Amino acid sequence: MVLTPECFKTTLLVIPCSKSKVTNNTIAEHRGSLTDTLPPALAAELQEARKNVAERIHVDESTLMPAWRRYNG
């Protein structure tokens, strides 16, 4: 499969973490979300999927921090 710009609306790009993390659980200011950049229908689908998974696995968000703040590598 060849990726062309028109394929990007339906392509998920996963960038691996740097391994090195910040452990302080300071709340950071909001800098946007992946869902802010997606077409509305796809963003809603992703948000619903996240919600369903979080409910099933009892996600603890007490140390939630955006990845741009969490990874320092």
Protein backbone atom coordinates (compact mmCIF):
# COMPACT_ATOMS: atom_id res chain seq x y z
CA MET A 1 0.00 0.00 0.00
CA VAL A 2 1.29 3.44 -0.93
CA LEU A 3 0.32 6.30 1.38
CA THR A 4 -0.74 9.44 -0.39
CA PRO A 5 -1.95 12.69 1.23
CA GLU A 6 -5.60 11.76 0.65
CA CYS A 7 -5.04 8.56 2.73
CA PHE A 8 -3.97 10.53 5.81
CA LYS A 9 -7.53 11.27 6.95
CA THR A 10 -8.00 7.56 7.64
CA THR A 11 -4.46 6.70 8.74
CA LEU A 12 -3.38 6.48 12.37
CA LEU A 13 0.26 7.38 12.93
CA VAL A 14 1.71 5.98 16.14
CA ILE A 15 4.95 7.54 17.38
CA PRO A 16 6.69 5.49 20.08
CA CYS A 17 7.61 7.13 23.35
CA SER A 18 11.13 8.16 24.24
CA LYS A 19 11.21 5.81 27.25
CA SER A 20 12.38 8.58 29.58
CA LYS A 21 9.40 9.94 31.56
CA VAL A 22 8.61 12.76 33.95
CA THR A 23 7.11 11.31 37.15
CA ASN A 24 5.73 14.47 38.75
CA ASN A 25 1.94 14.52 38.33
CA THR A 26 1.58 18.27 37.83
CA ILE A 27 -1.45 19.17 35.74
CA ALA A 28 -0.33 20.81 32.51
CA GLU A 29 -2.24 23.33 30.45
CA HIS A 30 -4.25 21.94 27.55
CA ARG A 31 -2.36 22.01 24.25
CA GLY A 32 -4.88 20.22 22.14
CA SER A 33 -5.66 16.63 21.44
CA LEU A 34 -5.37 14.26 18.54
CA THR A 35 -9.14 14.48 18.25
CA ASP A 36 -8.87 18.22 17.58
CA THR A 37 -7.17 17.43 14.26
CA LEU A 38 -9.50 14.67 13.07
CA PRO A 39 -12.67 15.01 11.00
CA PRO A 40 -15.60 15.42 13.46
CA ALA A 41 -17.15 11.98 12.86
CA LEU A 42 -13.81 10.21 13.33
CA ALA A 43 -13.00 12.30 16.43
CA ALA A 44 -16.36 11.36 17.97
CA GLU A 45 -15.77 7.69 17.18
CA LEU A 46 -12.32 7.79 18.82
CA GLN A 47 -13.65 9.61 21.91
CA GLU A 48 -16.45 7.06 22.29
CA ALA A 49 -14.01 4.17 21.94
CA ARG A 50 -11.71 5.72 24.56
CA LYS A 51 -14.65 6.18 26.93
CA ASN A 52 -15.80 2.57 26.47
CA VAL A 53 -12.32 1.16 27.09
CA ALA A 54 -11.76 3.40 30.13
CA GLU A 55 -15.02 2.21 31.69
CA ARG A 56 -14.24 -1.46 31.08
CA ILE A 57 -10.71 -1.41 32.47
CA HIS A 58 -11.37 1.13 35.27
CA VAL A 59 -8.81 3.71 34.12
CA ASP A 60 -7.25 5.74 36.93
CA GLU A 61 -6.65 9.27 35.61
CA SER A 62 -5.25 10.68 38.85
CA THR A 63 -1.79 11.05 37.28
CA LEU A 64 -3.02 11.92 33.79
CA MET A 65 -0.61 14.18 31.92
CA PRO A 66 -0.34 14.99 28.19
CA ALA A 67 2.39 13.01 26.42
CA TRP A 68 4.22 16.20 25.47
CA ARG A 69 4.69 16.82 29.21
CA ARG A 70 5.21 13.19 30.27
CA TYR A 71 8.07 12.24 27.95
CA ASN A 72 11.30 14.17 28.26
CA GLY A 73 13.55 12.29 25.83
